[in-house]
Amino acid sequence: MMNHFFLSLFSYTIVLMWLILNRFNLGHFFGDFLMSIVILYWGFFSYNFF
């Protein structure tokens, strides 16, 4: 069962990955994909735990 801290750390890691990929001009494709995953995760866990 994921806690709020791990979810926040996971989201921060995804954003950091997006920034790194954006440096190599890969952020447009991979960044949109990763951010959509983050939004889905936030929506899912917010619905379950809040």
PDB file of N, CA and C in Angstrom:
ATOM      1  N   MET A   1       0.853  -1.193   0.000  1.00  0.00           N
ATOM      2  CA  MET A   1       0.000   0.000   0.000  1.00  0.00           C
ATOM      3  C   MET A   1       0.889   1.245   0.000  1.00  0.00           C
ATOM      4  N   MET A   2       0.749   2.055  -1.034  1.00  0.00           N
ATOM      5  CA  MET A   2       1.603   3.227  -1.171  1.00  0.00           C
ATOM      6  C   MET A   2       1.164   4.322  -0.217  1.00  0.00           C
ATOM      7  N   ASN A   3       2.152   4.973   0.392  1.00  0.00           N
ATOM      8  CA  ASN A   3       1.827   6.115   1.229  1.00  0.00           C
ATOM      9  C   ASN A   3       2.039   7.408   0.447  1.00  0.00           C
ATOM     10  N   HIS A   4       1.678   8.520   1.069  1.00  0.00           N
ATOM     11  CA  HIS A   4       1.707   9.797   0.363  1.00  0.00           C
ATOM     12  C   HIS A   4       3.125  10.230   0.038  1.00  0.00           C
ATOM     13  N   PHE A   5       4.070   9.915   0.930  1.00  0.00           N
ATOM     14  CA  PHE A   5       5.463  10.305   0.706  1.00  0.00           C
ATOM     15  C   PHE A   5       6.028   9.627  -0.528  1.00  0.00           C
ATOM     16  N   PHE A   6       5.788   8.325  -0.679  1.00  0.00           N
ATOM     17  CA  PHE A   6       6.307   7.587  -1.826  1.00  0.00           C
ATOM     18  C   PHE A   6       5.684   8.099  -3.119  1.00  0.00           C
ATOM     19  N   LEU A   7       4.404   8.431  -3.080  1.00  0.00           N
ATOM     20  CA  LEU A   7       3.725   8.956  -4.259  1.00  0.00           C
ATOM     21  C   LEU A   7       4.305  10.301  -4.663  1.00  0.00           C
ATOM     22  N   SER A   8       4.614  11.139  -3.684  1.00  0.00           N
ATOM     23  CA  SER A   8       5.219  12.432  -3.974  1.00  0.00           C
ATOM     24  C   SER A   8       6.626  12.254  -4.544  1.00  0.00           C
ATOM     25  N   LEU A   9       7.389  11.326  -3.972  1.00  0.00           N
ATOM     26  CA  LEU A   9       8.736  11.055  -4.460  1.00  0.00           C
ATOM     27  C   LEU A   9       8.697  10.491  -5.876  1.00  0.00           C
ATOM     28  N   PHE A  10       7.722   9.627  -6.149  1.00  0.00           N
ATOM     29  CA  PHE A  10       7.552   9.066  -7.491  1.00  0.00           C
ATOM     30  C   PHE A  10       7.242  10.155  -8.500  1.00  0.00           C
ATOM     31  N   SER A  11       6.349  11.058  -8.143  1.00  0.00           N
ATOM     32  CA  SER A  11       5.990  12.137  -9.057  1.00  0.00           C
ATOM     33  C   SER A  11       7.165  13.069  -9.302  1.00  0.00           C
ATOM     34  N   TYR A  12       7.936  13.348  -8.245  1.00  0.00           N
ATOM     35  CA  TYR A  12       9.117  14.199  -8.390  1.00  0.00           C
ATOM     36  C   TYR A  12      10.136  13.550  -9.324  1.00  0.00           C
ATOM     37  N   THR A  13      10.293  12.226  -9.206  1.00  0.00           N
ATOM     38  CA  THR A  13      11.225  11.500 -10.071  1.00  0.00           C
ATOM     39  C   THR A  13      10.791  11.576 -11.524  1.00  0.00           C
ATOM     40  N   ILE A  14       9.485  11.445 -11.773  1.00  0.00           N
ATOM     41  CA  ILE A  14       8.969  11.528 -13.146  1.00  0.00           C
ATOM     42  C   ILE A  14       9.222  12.906 -13.736  1.00  0.00           C
ATOM     43  N   VAL A  15       8.986  13.958 -12.934  1.00  0.00           N
ATOM     44  CA  VAL A  15       9.220  15.318 -13.415  1.00  0.00           C
ATOM     45  C   VAL A  15      10.702  15.529 -13.702  1.00  0.00           C
ATOM     46  N   LEU A  16      11.559  15.002 -12.837  1.00  0.00           N
ATOM     47  CA  LEU A  16      13.002  15.123 -13.047  1.00  0.00           C
ATOM     48  C   LEU A  16      13.429  14.400 -14.317  1.00  0.00           C
ATOM     49  N   MET A  17      12.865  13.218 -14.562  1.00  0.00           N
ATOM     50  CA  MET A  17      13.146  12.489 -15.795  1.00  0.00           C
ATOM     51  C   MET A  17      12.703  13.302 -17.009  1.00  0.00           C
ATOM     52  N   TRP A  18      11.548  13.966 -16.895  1.00  0.00           N
ATOM     53  CA  TRP A  18      11.047  14.785 -18.006  1.00  0.00           C
ATOM     54  C   TRP A  18      11.998  15.937 -18.294  1.00  0.00           C
ATOM     55  N   LEU A  19      12.527  16.567 -17.246  1.00  0.00           N
ATOM     56  CA  LEU A  19      13.470  17.665 -17.441  1.00  0.00           C
ATOM     57  C   LEU A  19      14.757  17.184 -18.100  1.00  0.00           C
ATOM     58  N   ILE A  20      15.244  16.008 -17.690  1.00  0.00           N
ATOM     59  CA  ILE A  20      16.459  15.447 -18.291  1.00  0.00           C
ATOM     60  C   ILE A  20      16.223  15.113 -19.757  1.00  0.00           C
ATOM     61  N   LEU A  21      15.075  14.486 -20.065  1.00  0.00           N
ATOM     62  CA  LEU A  21      14.773  14.135 -21.452  1.00  0.00           C
ATOM     63  C   LEU A  21      14.587  15.383 -22.301  1.00  0.00           C
ATOM     64  N   ASN A  22      14.067  16.430 -21.697  1.00  0.00           N
ATOM     65  CA  ASN A  22      13.842  17.668 -22.435  1.00  0.00           C
ATOM     66  C   ASN A  22      15.168  18.304 -22.853  1.00  0.00           C
ATOM     67  N   ARG A  23      16.227  18.053 -22.087  1.00  0.00           N
ATOM     68  CA  ARG A  23      17.558  18.542 -22.441  1.00  0.00           C
ATOM     69  C   ARG A  23      18.033  17.946 -23.762  1.00  0.00           C
ATOM     70  N   PHE A  24      17.612  16.707 -24.019  1.00  0.00           N
ATOM     71  CA  PHE A  24      18.037  16.003 -25.231  1.00  0.00           C
ATOM     72  C   PHE A  24      16.971  16.063 -26.320  1.00  0.00           C
ATOM     73  N   ASN A  25      16.025  17.024 -26.171  1.00  0.00           N
ATOM     74  CA  ASN A  25      14.952  17.210 -27.150  1.00  0.00           C
ATOM     75  C   ASN A  25      14.079  15.967 -27.306  1.00  0.00           C
ATOM     76  N   LEU A  26      14.017  15.150 -26.251  1.00  0.00           N
ATOM     77  CA  LEU A  26      13.123  14.002 -26.254  1.00  0.00           C
ATOM     78  C   LEU A  26      11.910  14.248 -25.353  1.00  0.00           C
ATOM     79  N   GLY A  27      11.889  15.423 -24.725  1.00  0.00           N
ATOM     80  CA  GLY A  27      10.853  15.705 -23.742  1.00  0.00           C
ATOM     81  C   GLY A  27       9.468  15.850 -24.328  1.00  0.00           C
ATOM     82  N   HIS A  28       9.397  16.186 -25.614  1.00  0.00           N
ATOM     83  CA  HIS A  28       8.072  16.418 -26.192  1.00  0.00           C
ATOM     84  C   HIS A  28       7.272  15.123 -26.261  1.00  0.00           C
ATOM     85  N   PHE A  29       7.913  14.044 -26.687  1.00  0.00           N
ATOM     86  CA  PHE A  29       7.195  12.768 -26.794  1.00  0.00           C
ATOM     87  C   PHE A  29       7.143  12.049 -25.451  1.00  0.00           C
ATOM     88  N   PHE A  30       8.330  11.790 -24.876  1.00  0.00           N
ATOM     89  CA  PHE A  30       8.382  11.035 -23.627  1.00  0.00           C
ATOM     90  C   PHE A  30       7.799  11.831 -22.467  1.00  0.00           C
ATOM     91  N   GLY A  31       8.012  13.145 -22.488  1.00  0.00           N
ATOM     92  CA  GLY A  31       7.500  13.973 -21.401  1.00  0.00           C
ATOM     93  C   GLY A  31       5.989  13.943 -21.315  1.00  0.00           C
ATOM     94  N   ASP A  32       5.324  14.045 -22.460  1.00  0.00           N
ATOM     95  CA  ASP A  32       3.860  13.998 -22.460  1.00  0.00           C
ATOM     96  C   ASP A  32       3.374  12.635 -21.982  1.00  0.00           C
ATOM     97  N   PHE A  33       4.070  11.575 -22.389  1.00  0.00           N
ATOM     98  CA  PHE A  33       3.705  10.225 -21.971  1.00  0.00           C
ATOM     99  C   PHE A  33       3.876  10.056 -20.465  1.00  0.00           C
ATOM    100  N   LEU A  34       5.020  10.498 -19.922  1.00  0.00           N
ATOM    101  CA  LEU A  34       5.284  10.353 -18.493  1.00  0.00           C
ATOM    102  C   LEU A  34       4.335  11.208 -17.660  1.00  0.00           C
ATOM    103  N   MET A  35       4.078  12.436 -18.128  1.00  0.00           N
ATOM    104  CA  MET A  35       3.186  13.306 -17.363  1.00  0.00           C
ATOM    105  C   MET A  35       1.762  12.776 -17.370  1.00  0.00           C
ATOM    106  N   SER A  36       1.345  12.127 -18.461  1.00  0.00           N
ATOM    107  CA  SER A  36       0.008  11.526 -18.489  1.00  0.00           C
ATOM    108  C   SER A  36      -0.072  10.383 -17.482  1.00  0.00           C
ATOM    109  N   ILE A  37       1.037   9.629 -17.337  1.00  0.00           N
ATOM    110  CA  ILE A  37       1.074   8.561 -16.333  1.00  0.00           C
ATOM    111  C   ILE A  37       0.958   9.159 -14.931  1.00  0.00           C
ATOM    112  N   VAL A  38       1.680  10.263 -14.684  1.00  0.00           N
ATOM    113  CA  VAL A  38       1.624  10.910 -13.369  1.00  0.00           C
ATOM    114  C   VAL A  38       0.202  11.362 -13.054  1.00  0.00           C
ATOM    115  N   ILE A  39      -0.462  11.965 -14.036  1.00  0.00           N
ATOM    116  CA  ILE A  39      -1.832  12.432 -13.822  1.00  0.00           C
ATOM    117  C   ILE A  39      -2.755  11.256 -13.512  1.00  0.00           C
ATOM    118  N   LEU A  40      -2.570  10.143 -14.217  1.00  0.00           N
ATOM    119  CA  LEU A  40      -3.395   8.964 -13.963  1.00  0.00           C
ATOM    120  C   LEU A  40      -3.139   8.407 -12.567  1.00  0.00           C
ATOM    121  N   TYR A  41      -1.853   8.359 -12.170  1.00  0.00           N
ATOM    122  CA  TYR A  41      -1.532   7.867 -10.834  1.00  0.00           C
ATOM    123  C   TYR A  41      -2.116   8.768  -9.750  1.00  0.00           C
ATOM    124  N   TRP A  42      -1.969  10.091  -9.911  1.00  0.00           N
ATOM    125  CA  TRP A  42      -2.508  11.020  -8.923  1.00  0.00           C
ATOM    126  C   TRP A  42      -4.014  10.877  -8.817  1.00  0.00           C
ATOM    127  N   GLY A  43      -4.685  10.752  -9.974  1.00  0.00           N
ATOM    128  CA  GLY A  43      -6.137  10.602  -9.954  1.00  0.00           C
ATOM    129  C   GLY A  43      -6.569   9.306  -9.288  1.00  0.00           C
ATOM    130  N   PHE A  44      -5.840   8.226  -9.584  1.00  0.00           N
ATOM    131  CA  PHE A  44      -6.187   6.916  -9.023  1.00  0.00           C
ATOM    132  C   PHE A  44      -6.019   6.899  -7.514  1.00  0.00           C
ATOM    133  N   PHE A  45      -4.852   7.345  -7.024  1.00  0.00           N
ATOM    134  CA  PHE A  45      -4.592   7.285  -5.593  1.00  0.00           C
ATOM    135  C   PHE A  45      -5.380   8.332  -4.822  1.00  0.00           C
ATOM    136  N   SER A  46      -5.642   9.481  -5.455  1.00  0.00           N
ATOM    137  CA  SER A  46      -6.473  10.480  -4.790  1.00  0.00           C
ATOM    138  C   SER A  46      -7.884   9.942  -4.606  1.00  0.00           C
ATOM    139  N   TYR A  47      -8.369   9.197  -5.601  1.00  0.00           N
ATOM    140  CA  TYR A  47      -9.707   8.620  -5.507  1.00  0.00           C
ATOM    141  C   TYR A  47      -9.761   7.548  -4.434  1.00  0.00           C
ATOM    142  N   ASN A  48      -8.679   6.804  -4.267  1.00  0.00           N
ATOM    143  CA  ASN A  48      -8.678   5.705  -3.312  1.00  0.00           C
ATOM    144  C   ASN A  48      -8.400   6.146  -1.885  1.00  0.00           C
ATOM    145  N   PHE A  49      -7.564   7.169  -1.698  1.00  0.00           N
ATOM    146  CA  PHE A  49      -7.083   7.483  -0.354  1.00  0.00           C
ATOM    147  C   PHE A  49      -7.582   8.817   0.191  1.00  0.00           C
ATOM    148  N   PHE A  50      -8.229   9.656  -0.638  1.00  0.00           N
ATOM    149  CA  PHE A  50      -8.631  10.971  -0.131  1.00  0.00           C
ATOM    150  C   PHE A  50     -10.126  11.215  -0.282  1.00  0.00           C
TER     151      PHE A  50
END
